Each structure stands twice: as structure tokens, then as C-alpha cells.
Amino acid sequence: KVLSVEYLSALLGTSPMTIRRDLNFLGNHELLQRVHGGAGVKRSE
């Protein structure tokens, strides 16, 4: 439901900046909701 940049970075073996770019991409395509320091499940109406 909610994941932090640091957790994803460690889990996937990438830099935090790479994760932020991925989260921004996914957020821009409305696949998740960006939250401070990570991402959460997209809230639907």
C-alpha cells in the first residue's frame, strides 16, 4: 500500500534517484500516487 524510496532502492539495488524517476513516471501515468518520500496506492473515487 505504501513504499518508501529508501526501501525500494535497497530492495531493487538501484539509487534513490532512479527510484524517484520511476515513481514520477508511474505517478504521471496515474499508476500510483506520489507521497512525500515514496509512493502509495492510487486512490480511486
All heavy atoms as atom14 arrays in JSON, in Angstrom:
{
  "sequence": "KVLSVEYLSALLGTSPMTIRRDLNFLGNHELLQRVHGGAGVKRSE",
  "atom14_mask": [
    [1, 1, 1, 1, 1, 1, 1, 1, 1, 0, 0, 0, 0, 0],
    [1, 1, 1, 1, 1, 1, 1, 0, 0, 0, 0, 0, 0, 0],
    [1, 1, 1, 1, 1, 1, 1, 1, 0, 0, 0, 0, 0, 0],
    [1, 1, 1, 1, 1, 1, 0, 0, 0, 0, 0, 0, 0, 0],
    [1, 1, 1, 1, 1, 1, 1, 0, 0, 0, 0, 0, 0, 0],
    [1, 1, 1, 1, 1, 1, 1, 1, 1, 0, 0, 0, 0, 0],
    [1, 1, 1, 1, 1, 1, 1, 1, 1, 1, 1, 1, 0, 0],
    [1, 1, 1, 1, 1, 1, 1, 1, 0, 0, 0, 0, 0, 0],
    [1, 1, 1, 1, 1, 1, 0, 0, 0, 0, 0, 0, 0, 0],
    [1, 1, 1, 1, 1, 0, 0, 0, 0, 0, 0, 0, 0, 0],
    [1, 1, 1, 1, 1, 1, 1, 1, 0, 0, 0, 0, 0, 0],
    [1, 1, 1, 1, 1, 1, 1, 1, 0, 0, 0, 0, 0, 0],
    [1, 1, 1, 1, 0, 0, 0, 0, 0, 0, 0, 0, 0, 0],
    [1, 1, 1, 1, 1, 1, 1, 0, 0, 0, 0, 0, 0, 0],
    [1, 1, 1, 1, 1, 1, 0, 0, 0, 0, 0, 0, 0, 0],
    [1, 1, 1, 1, 1, 1, 1, 0, 0, 0, 0, 0, 0, 0],
    [1, 1, 1, 1, 1, 1, 1, 1, 0, 0, 0, 0, 0, 0],
    [1, 1, 1, 1, 1, 1, 1, 0, 0, 0, 0, 0, 0, 0],
    [1, 1, 1, 1, 1, 1, 1, 1, 0, 0, 0, 0, 0, 0],
    [1, 1, 1, 1, 1, 1, 1, 1, 1, 1, 1, 0, 0, 0],
    [1, 1, 1, 1, 1, 1, 1, 1, 1, 1, 1, 0, 0, 0],
    [1, 1, 1, 1, 1, 1, 1, 1, 0, 0, 0, 0, 0, 0],
    [1, 1, 1, 1, 1, 1, 1, 1, 0, 0, 0, 0, 0, 0],
    [1, 1, 1, 1, 1, 1, 1, 1, 0, 0, 0, 0, 0, 0],
    [1, 1, 1, 1, 1, 1, 1, 1, 1, 1, 1, 0, 0, 0],
    [1, 1, 1, 1, 1, 1, 1, 1, 0, 0, 0, 0, 0, 0],
    [1, 1, 1, 1, 0, 0, 0, 0, 0, 0, 0, 0, 0, 0],
    [1, 1, 1, 1, 1, 1, 1, 1, 0, 0, 0, 0, 0, 0],
    [1, 1, 1, 1, 1, 1, 1, 1, 1, 1, 0, 0, 0, 0],
    [1, 1, 1, 1, 1, 1, 1, 1, 1, 0, 0, 0, 0, 0],
    [1, 1, 1, 1, 1, 1, 1, 1, 0, 0, 0, 0, 0, 0],
    [1, 1, 1, 1, 1, 1, 1, 1, 0, 0, 0, 0, 0, 0],
    [1, 1, 1, 1, 1, 1, 1, 1, 1, 0, 0, 0, 0, 0],
    [1, 1, 1, 1, 1, 1, 1, 1, 1, 1, 1, 0, 0, 0],
    [1, 1, 1, 1, 1, 1, 1, 0, 0, 0, 0, 0, 0, 0],
    [1, 1, 1, 1, 1, 1, 1, 1, 1, 1, 0, 0, 0, 0],
    [1, 1, 1, 1, 0, 0, 0, 0, 0, 0, 0, 0, 0, 0],
    [1, 1, 1, 1, 0, 0, 0, 0, 0, 0, 0, 0, 0, 0],
    [1, 1, 1, 1, 1, 0, 0, 0, 0, 0, 0, 0, 0, 0],
    [1, 1, 1, 1, 0, 0, 0, 0, 0, 0, 0, 0, 0, 0],
    [1, 1, 1, 1, 1, 1, 1, 0, 0, 0, 0, 0, 0, 0],
    [1, 1, 1, 1, 1, 1, 1, 1, 1, 0, 0, 0, 0, 0],
    [1, 1, 1, 1, 1, 1, 1, 1, 1, 1, 1, 0, 0, 0],
    [1, 1, 1, 1, 1, 1, 0, 0, 0, 0, 0, 0, 0, 0],
    [1, 1, 1, 1, 1, 1, 1, 1, 1, 0, 0, 0, 0, 0]
  ],
  "atom14_positions": [
    [[0.8, -1.24, 0.0], [0.0, 0.0, 0.0], [0.83, 1.28, 0.0], [0.48, 2.23, -0.65], [-1.02, 0.04, 1.15], [-1.92, -1.15, 1.24], [-2.76, -1.32, 0.0], [-3.68, -2.51, 0.17], [-4.08, -3.1, -1.06], [0.0, 0.0, 0.0], [0.0, 0.0, 0.0], [0.0, 0.0, 0.0], [0.0, 0.0, 0.0], [0.0, 0.0, 0.0]],
    [[1.93, 1.34, 0.75], [2.82, 2.5, 0.77], [4.26, 1.99, 0.82], [4.57, 1.08, 1.58], [2.56, 3.41, 1.99], [3.55, 4.57, 2.02], [1.14, 3.93, 1.99], [0.0, 0.0, 0.0], [0.0, 0.0, 0.0], [0.0, 0.0, 0.0], [0.0, 0.0, 0.0], [0.0, 0.0, 0.0], [0.0, 0.0, 0.0], [0.0, 0.0, 0.0]],
    [[5.12, 2.59, -0.02], [6.52, 2.19, -0.07], [7.4, 3.43, -0.06], [7.08, 4.43, -0.7], [6.8, 1.39, -1.35], [6.08, 0.05, -1.48], [6.22, -0.48, -2.9], [6.66, -0.94, -0.49], [0.0, 0.0, 0.0], [0.0, 0.0, 0.0], [0.0, 0.0, 0.0], [0.0, 0.0, 0.0], [0.0, 0.0, 0.0], [0.0, 0.0, 0.0]],
    [[8.52, 3.34, 0.63], [9.45, 4.47, 0.67], [10.51, 4.31, -0.43], [10.8, 3.21, -0.89], [10.14, 4.55, 2.03], [11.06, 3.49, 2.17], [0.0, 0.0, 0.0], [0.0, 0.0, 0.0], [0.0, 0.0, 0.0], [0.0, 0.0, 0.0], [0.0, 0.0, 0.0], [0.0, 0.0, 0.0], [0.0, 0.0, 0.0], [0.0, 0.0, 0.0]],
    [[11.08, 5.44, -0.82], [12.15, 5.44, -1.8], [13.33, 4.62, -1.29], [13.9, 3.82, -2.02], [12.59, 6.89, -2.12], [13.87, 6.91, -2.94], [11.48, 7.64, -2.83], [0.0, 0.0, 0.0], [0.0, 0.0, 0.0], [0.0, 0.0, 0.0], [0.0, 0.0, 0.0], [0.0, 0.0, 0.0], [0.0, 0.0, 0.0], [0.0, 0.0, 0.0]],
    [[13.66, 4.78, -0.02], [14.8, 4.06, 0.55], [14.59, 2.55, 0.52], [15.5, 1.79, 0.19], [15.08, 4.52, 1.99], [15.63, 5.92, 2.09], [14.57, 7.0, 1.88], [13.36, 6.71, 2.06], [14.93, 8.13, 1.51], [0.0, 0.0, 0.0], [0.0, 0.0, 0.0], [0.0, 0.0, 0.0], [0.0, 0.0, 0.0], [0.0, 0.0, 0.0]],
    [[13.39, 2.11, 0.87], [13.07, 0.68, 0.86], [13.19, 0.12, -0.55], [13.82, -0.92, -0.77], [11.66, 0.46, 1.42], [11.2, -0.98, 1.31], [11.65, -1.95, 2.2], [10.31, -1.38, 0.31], [11.23, -3.27, 2.11], [9.88, -2.69, 0.2], [10.34, -3.62, 1.1], [9.94, -4.94, 0.99], [0.0, 0.0, 0.0], [0.0, 0.0, 0.0]],
    [[12.59, 0.81, -1.52], [12.63, 0.34, -2.9], [14.06, 0.34, -3.44], [14.46, -0.57, -4.16], [11.73, 1.21, -3.79], [10.24, 1.02, -3.59], [9.47, 2.1, -4.31], [9.81, -0.37, -4.07], [0.0, 0.0, 0.0], [0.0, 0.0, 0.0], [0.0, 0.0, 0.0], [0.0, 0.0, 0.0], [0.0, 0.0, 0.0], [0.0, 0.0, 0.0]],
    [[14.82, 1.36, -3.09], [16.2, 1.45, -3.54], [17.02, 0.26, -3.05], [17.76, -0.37, -3.81], [16.81, 2.76, -3.04], [18.16, 2.84, -3.38], [0.0, 0.0, 0.0], [0.0, 0.0, 0.0], [0.0, 0.0, 0.0], [0.0, 0.0, 0.0], [0.0, 0.0, 0.0], [0.0, 0.0, 0.0], [0.0, 0.0, 0.0], [0.0, 0.0, 0.0]],
    [[16.89, -0.07, -1.77], [17.62, -1.2, -1.2], [17.14, -2.53, -1.79], [17.94, -3.4, -2.13], [17.47, -1.21, 0.31], [0.0, 0.0, 0.0], [0.0, 0.0, 0.0], [0.0, 0.0, 0.0], [0.0, 0.0, 0.0], [0.0, 0.0, 0.0], [0.0, 0.0, 0.0], [0.0, 0.0, 0.0], [0.0, 0.0, 0.0], [0.0, 0.0, 0.0]],
    [[15.84, -2.67, -1.93], [15.26, -3.91, -2.42], [15.63, -4.18, -3.88], [15.96, -5.3, -4.25], [13.73, -3.87, -2.27], [12.98, -5.12, -2.68], [13.27, -6.24, -1.68], [11.5, -4.85, -2.74], [0.0, 0.0, 0.0], [0.0, 0.0, 0.0], [0.0, 0.0, 0.0], [0.0, 0.0, 0.0], [0.0, 0.0, 0.0], [0.0, 0.0, 0.0]],
    [[15.59, -3.13, -4.7], [15.82, -3.3, -6.13], [17.27, -3.05, -6.54], [17.62, -3.23, -7.71], [14.88, -2.37, -6.91], [13.39, -2.62, -6.67], [12.54, -1.58, -7.37], [13.0, -4.02, -7.12], [0.0, 0.0, 0.0], [0.0, 0.0, 0.0], [0.0, 0.0, 0.0], [0.0, 0.0, 0.0], [0.0, 0.0, 0.0], [0.0, 0.0, 0.0]],
    [[18.1, -2.63, -5.59], [19.52, -2.44, -5.88], [19.81, -1.29, -6.82], [20.7, -1.39, -7.66], [0.0, 0.0, 0.0], [0.0, 0.0, 0.0], [0.0, 0.0, 0.0], [0.0, 0.0, 0.0], [0.0, 0.0, 0.0], [0.0, 0.0, 0.0], [0.0, 0.0, 0.0], [0.0, 0.0, 0.0], [0.0, 0.0, 0.0], [0.0, 0.0, 0.0]],
    [[19.05, -0.21, -6.7], [19.27, 0.97, -7.53], [19.43, 2.19, -6.64], [19.18, 2.13, -5.44], [18.09, 1.21, -8.49], [16.91, 1.43, -7.72], [17.86, 0.03, -9.41], [0.0, 0.0, 0.0], [0.0, 0.0, 0.0], [0.0, 0.0, 0.0], [0.0, 0.0, 0.0], [0.0, 0.0, 0.0], [0.0, 0.0, 0.0], [0.0, 0.0, 0.0]],
    [[19.8, 3.29, -7.23], [19.96, 4.51, -6.46], [18.59, 5.11, -6.13], [17.61, 4.88, -6.85], [20.77, 5.54, -7.25], [20.0, 6.06, -8.32], [0.0, 0.0, 0.0], [0.0, 0.0, 0.0], [0.0, 0.0, 0.0], [0.0, 0.0, 0.0], [0.0, 0.0, 0.0], [0.0, 0.0, 0.0], [0.0, 0.0, 0.0], [0.0, 0.0, 0.0]],
    [[18.52, 5.89, -5.06], [17.26, 6.56, -4.72], [16.77, 7.47, -5.86], [15.57, 7.56, -6.1], [17.61, 7.37, -3.48], [18.74, 6.62, -2.85], [19.53, 6.07, -3.99], [0.0, 0.0, 0.0], [0.0, 0.0, 0.0], [0.0, 0.0, 0.0], [0.0, 0.0, 0.0], [0.0, 0.0, 0.0], [0.0, 0.0, 0.0], [0.0, 0.0, 0.0]],
    [[17.69, 8.09, -6.58], [17.28, 8.96, -7.69], [16.6, 8.17, -8.8], [15.62, 8.62, -9.39], [18.5, 9.72, -8.23], [18.14, 10.85, -9.16], [17.2, 12.1, -8.28], [15.9, 12.41, -9.45], [0.0, 0.0, 0.0], [0.0, 0.0, 0.0], [0.0, 0.0, 0.0], [0.0, 0.0, 0.0], [0.0, 0.0, 0.0], [0.0, 0.0, 0.0]],
    [[17.09, 6.97, -9.08], [16.46, 6.1, -10.08], [15.04, 5.75, -9.65], [14.1, 5.78, -10.46], [17.29, 4.82, -10.29], [18.58, 5.2, -10.77], [16.63, 3.87, -11.27], [0.0, 0.0, 0.0], [0.0, 0.0, 0.0], [0.0, 0.0, 0.0], [0.0, 0.0, 0.0], [0.0, 0.0, 0.0], [0.0, 0.0, 0.0], [0.0, 0.0, 0.0]],
    [[14.87, 5.43, -8.39], [13.53, 5.1, -7.87], [12.62, 6.32, -7.97], [11.47, 6.2, -8.37], [13.62, 4.59, -6.41], [14.42, 3.27, -6.34], [12.23, 4.42, -5.81], [13.81, 2.12, -7.12], [0.0, 0.0, 0.0], [0.0, 0.0, 0.0], [0.0, 0.0, 0.0], [0.0, 0.0, 0.0], [0.0, 0.0, 0.0], [0.0, 0.0, 0.0]],
    [[13.14, 7.49, -7.62], [12.31, 8.71, -7.72], [11.86, 8.94, -9.15], [10.7, 9.3, -9.39], [13.09, 9.92, -7.21], [13.22, 9.97, -5.72], [13.87, 11.28, -5.26], [14.3, 11.13, -3.89], [15.53, 10.77, -3.51], [16.47, 10.56, -4.42], [15.83, 10.63, -2.25], [0.0, 0.0, 0.0], [0.0, 0.0, 0.0], [0.0, 0.0, 0.0]],
    [[12.75, 8.74, -10.11], [12.37, 8.9, -11.52], [11.29, 7.88, -11.91], [10.33, 8.22, -12.6], [13.59, 8.75, -12.43], [14.46, 9.98, -12.48], [15.49, 9.9, -13.6], [16.48, 8.85, -13.37], [17.64, 9.04, -12.75], [17.97, 10.24, -12.3], [18.47, 8.04, -12.6], [0.0, 0.0, 0.0], [0.0, 0.0, 0.0], [0.0, 0.0, 0.0]],
    [[11.45, 6.63, -11.44], [10.44, 5.61, -11.72], [9.09, 5.99, -11.11], [8.04, 5.87, -11.75], [10.87, 4.24, -11.19], [11.98, 3.61, -12.0], [12.19, 4.0, -13.16], [12.65, 2.7, -11.46], [0.0, 0.0, 0.0], [0.0, 0.0, 0.0], [0.0, 0.0, 0.0], [0.0, 0.0, 0.0], [0.0, 0.0, 0.0], [0.0, 0.0, 0.0]],
    [[9.11, 6.44, -9.86], [7.87, 6.81, -9.18], [7.21, 8.01, -9.86], [5.99, 8.05, -10.0], [8.13, 7.11, -7.71], [8.62, 5.93, -6.86], [8.83, 6.36, -5.42], [7.69, 4.74, -6.95], [0.0, 0.0, 0.0], [0.0, 0.0, 0.0], [0.0, 0.0, 0.0], [0.0, 0.0, 0.0], [0.0, 0.0, 0.0], [0.0, 0.0, 0.0]],
    [[8.02, 8.97, -10.3], [7.47, 10.12, -11.01], [6.82, 9.68, -12.33], [5.73, 10.13, -12.67], [8.54, 11.18, -11.27], [8.91, 11.93, -10.02], [8.13, 12.01, -9.08], [10.11, 12.47, -10.0], [0.0, 0.0, 0.0], [0.0, 0.0, 0.0], [0.0, 0.0, 0.0], [0.0, 0.0, 0.0], [0.0, 0.0, 0.0], [0.0, 0.0, 0.0]],
    [[7.49, 8.78, -13.05], [6.95, 8.27, -14.3], [5.62, 7.56, -14.05], [4.62, 7.82, -14.73], [7.94, 7.3, -14.96], [7.42, 6.64, -16.19], [7.54, 7.26, -17.43], [6.79, 5.4, -16.13], [7.05, 6.65, -18.57], [6.3, 4.79, -17.27], [6.42, 5.41, -18.5], [0.0, 0.0, 0.0], [0.0, 0.0, 0.0], [0.0, 0.0, 0.0]],
    [[5.6, 6.66, -13.08], [4.38, 5.91, -12.77], [3.28, 6.83, -12.25], [2.1, 6.63, -12.55], [4.7, 4.8, -11.75], [5.63, 3.7, -12.27], [6.11, 2.83, -11.12], [4.95, 2.87, -13.33], [0.0, 0.0, 0.0], [0.0, 0.0, 0.0], [0.0, 0.0, 0.0], [0.0, 0.0, 0.0], [0.0, 0.0, 0.0], [0.0, 0.0, 0.0]],
    [[3.65, 7.84, -11.48], [2.66, 8.8, -10.99], [2.07, 9.62, -12.12], [0.87, 9.89, -12.15], [0.0, 0.0, 0.0], [0.0, 0.0, 0.0], [0.0, 0.0, 0.0], [0.0, 0.0, 0.0], [0.0, 0.0, 0.0], [0.0, 0.0, 0.0], [0.0, 0.0, 0.0], [0.0, 0.0, 0.0], [0.0, 0.0, 0.0], [0.0, 0.0, 0.0]],
    [[2.92, 10.04, -13.06], [2.44, 10.82, -14.21], [1.51, 10.01, -15.09], [0.66, 10.56, -15.77], [3.61, 11.34, -15.03], [4.37, 12.44, -14.32], [3.85, 13.1, -13.43], [5.62, 12.63, -14.69], [0.0, 0.0, 0.0], [0.0, 0.0, 0.0], [0.0, 0.0, 0.0], [0.0, 0.0, 0.0], [0.0, 0.0, 0.0], [0.0, 0.0, 0.0]],
    [[1.67, 8.7, -15.09], [0.79, 7.81, -15.85], [-0.36, 7.28, -14.99], [-1.04, 6.33, -15.37], [1.6, 6.67, -16.46], [2.44, 7.11, -17.62], [3.69, 7.66, -17.46], [2.18, 7.11, -18.95], [4.18, 7.97, -18.64], [3.28, 7.66, -19.56], [0.0, 0.0, 0.0], [0.0, 0.0, 0.0], [0.0, 0.0, 0.0], [0.0, 0.0, 0.0]],
    [[-0.53, 7.88, -13.82], [-1.63, 7.58, -12.91], [-1.69, 6.12, -12.48], [-2.76, 5.55, -12.3], [-2.96, 8.03, -13.51], [-2.99, 9.53, -13.75], [-4.32, 10.03, -14.28], [-5.25, 9.21, -14.45], [-4.42, 11.24, -14.51], [0.0, 0.0, 0.0], [0.0, 0.0, 0.0], [0.0, 0.0, 0.0], [0.0, 0.0, 0.0], [0.0, 0.0, 0.0]],
    [[-0.52, 5.5, -12.3], [-0.46, 4.12, -11.84], [-0.23, 4.03, -10.34], [-0.37, 2.97, -9.75], [0.64, 3.37, -12.59], [0.42, 3.28, -14.1], [1.66, 2.72, -14.79], [-0.79, 2.42, -14.41], [0.0, 0.0, 0.0], [0.0, 0.0, 0.0], [0.0, 0.0, 0.0], [0.0, 0.0, 0.0], [0.0, 0.0, 0.0], [0.0, 0.0, 0.0]],
    [[0.15, 5.15, -9.74], [0.34, 5.23, -8.3], [0.21, 6.68, -7.88], [0.12, 7.57, -8.72], [1.69, 4.65, -7.86], [2.98, 5.2, -8.49], [3.38, 6.54, -7.92], [4.09, 4.2, -8.28], [0.0, 0.0, 0.0], [0.0, 0.0, 0.0], [0.0, 0.0, 0.0], [0.0, 0.0, 0.0], [0.0, 0.0, 0.0], [0.0, 0.0, 0.0]],
    [[0.19, 6.89, -6.58], [0.11, 8.24, -6.04], [1.43, 8.55, -5.36], [1.88, 7.81, -4.49], [-1.04, 8.35, -5.04], [-1.18, 9.74, -4.47], [-2.38, 9.83, -3.53], [-3.1, 8.87, -3.33], [-2.56, 11.0, -2.95], [0.0, 0.0, 0.0], [0.0, 0.0, 0.0], [0.0, 0.0, 0.0], [0.0, 0.0, 0.0], [0.0, 0.0, 0.0]],
    [[2.06, 9.62, -5.77], [3.31, 10.04, -5.13], [2.99, 10.66, -3.78], [2.07, 11.44, -3.64], [4.05, 11.08, -5.98], [4.74, 10.51, -7.17], [5.96, 9.68, -6.81], [7.13, 10.53, -6.71], [8.01, 10.47, -5.72], [7.87, 9.61, -4.74], [9.06, 11.24, -5.71], [0.0, 0.0, 0.0], [0.0, 0.0, 0.0], [0.0, 0.0, 0.0]],
    [[3.75, 10.26, -2.78], [3.65, 10.84, -1.45], [5.06, 11.25, -1.03], [6.04, 10.81, -1.62], [3.03, 9.86, -0.42], [1.61, 9.5, -0.8], [3.87, 8.6, -0.29], [0.0, 0.0, 0.0], [0.0, 0.0, 0.0], [0.0, 0.0, 0.0], [0.0, 0.0, 0.0], [0.0, 0.0, 0.0], [0.0, 0.0, 0.0], [0.0, 0.0, 0.0]],
    [[5.15, 12.07, -0.02], [6.45, 12.53, 0.44], [7.34, 11.35, 0.82], [6.99, 10.56, 1.68], [6.28, 13.47, 1.64], [7.57, 14.06, 2.12], [8.21, 15.04, 1.42], [8.33, 13.77, 3.18], [9.32, 15.35, 2.05], [9.41, 14.6, 3.13], [0.0, 0.0, 0.0], [0.0, 0.0, 0.0], [0.0, 0.0, 0.0], [0.0, 0.0, 0.0]],
    [[8.46, 11.2, 0.11], [9.4, 10.13, 0.43], [9.1, 8.78, -0.17], [9.76, 7.81, 0.14], [0.0, 0.0, 0.0], [0.0, 0.0, 0.0], [0.0, 0.0, 0.0], [0.0, 0.0, 0.0], [0.0, 0.0, 0.0], [0.0, 0.0, 0.0], [0.0, 0.0, 0.0], [0.0, 0.0, 0.0], [0.0, 0.0, 0.0], [0.0, 0.0, 0.0]],
    [[8.09, 8.7, -1.04], [7.77, 7.4, -1.62], [6.54, 7.43, -2.49], [6.28, 8.4, -3.2], [0.0, 0.0, 0.0], [0.0, 0.0, 0.0], [0.0, 0.0, 0.0], [0.0, 0.0, 0.0], [0.0, 0.0, 0.0], [0.0, 0.0, 0.0], [0.0, 0.0, 0.0], [0.0, 0.0, 0.0], [0.0, 0.0, 0.0], [0.0, 0.0, 0.0]],
    [[5.77, 6.37, -2.4], [4.57, 6.23, -3.22], [3.53, 5.42, -2.48], [3.85, 4.62, -1.6], [4.9, 5.54, -4.54], [0.0, 0.0, 0.0], [0.0, 0.0, 0.0], [0.0, 0.0, 0.0], [0.0, 0.0, 0.0], [0.0, 0.0, 0.0], [0.0, 0.0, 0.0], [0.0, 0.0, 0.0], [0.0, 0.0, 0.0], [0.0, 0.0, 0.0]],
    [[2.28, 5.64, -2.87], [1.17, 4.89, -2.29], [0.23, 4.42, -3.37], [0.35, 4.82, -4.53], [0.0, 0.0, 0.0], [0.0, 0.0, 0.0], [0.0, 0.0, 0.0], [0.0, 0.0, 0.0], [0.0, 0.0, 0.0], [0.0, 0.0, 0.0], [0.0, 0.0, 0.0], [0.0, 0.0, 0.0], [0.0, 0.0, 0.0], [0.0, 0.0, 0.0]],
    [[-0.68, 3.59, -2.99], [-1.69, 3.09, -3.92], [-2.52, 4.26, -4.4], [-2.89, 5.14, -3.62], [-2.58, 2.03, -3.23], [-3.7, 1.59, -4.14], [-1.76, 0.85, -2.78], [0.0, 0.0, 0.0], [0.0, 0.0, 0.0], [0.0, 0.0, 0.0], [0.0, 0.0, 0.0], [0.0, 0.0, 0.0], [0.0, 0.0, 0.0], [0.0, 0.0, 0.0]],
    [[-2.81, 4.27, -5.67], [-3.62, 5.34, -6.24], [-5.04, 5.26, -5.69], [-5.67, 4.22, -5.72], [-3.67, 5.21, -7.76], [-4.4, 6.33, -8.44], [-4.33, 6.14, -9.95], [-5.09, 7.2, -10.67], [-6.52, 7.12, -10.48], [0.0, 0.0, 0.0], [0.0, 0.0, 0.0], [0.0, 0.0, 0.0], [0.0, 0.0, 0.0], [0.0, 0.0, 0.0]],
    [[-5.48, 6.37, -5.14], [-6.85, 6.43, -4.6], [-7.81, 6.65, -5.74], [-7.69, 7.59, -6.5], [-7.0, 7.59, -3.62], [-6.58, 7.24, -2.23], [-6.92, 8.36, -1.31], [-8.28, 8.16, -0.84], [-8.88, 8.97, 0.01], [-8.25, 10.02, 0.45], [-10.1, 8.72, 0.41], [0.0, 0.0, 0.0], [0.0, 0.0, 0.0], [0.0, 0.0, 0.0]],
    [[-8.76, 5.79, -5.85], [-9.78, 5.97, -6.86], [-11.0, 6.59, -6.21], [-11.15, 6.58, -4.99], [-10.15, 4.64, -7.52], [-10.82, 3.82, -6.59], [0.0, 0.0, 0.0], [0.0, 0.0, 0.0], [0.0, 0.0, 0.0], [0.0, 0.0, 0.0], [0.0, 0.0, 0.0], [0.0, 0.0, 0.0], [0.0, 0.0, 0.0], [0.0, 0.0, 0.0]],
    [[-11.84, 7.13, -7.01], [-13.05, 7.73, -6.47], [-13.93, 6.7, -5.79], [-14.69, 7.01, -4.88], [-13.82, 8.45, -7.58], [-13.08, 9.69, -8.07], [-13.84, 10.4, -9.16], [-15.07, 10.19, -9.27], [-13.22, 11.16, -9.88], [0.0, 0.0, 0.0], [0.0, 0.0, 0.0], [0.0, 0.0, 0.0], [0.0, 0.0, 0.0], [0.0, 0.0, 0.0]]
  ]
}
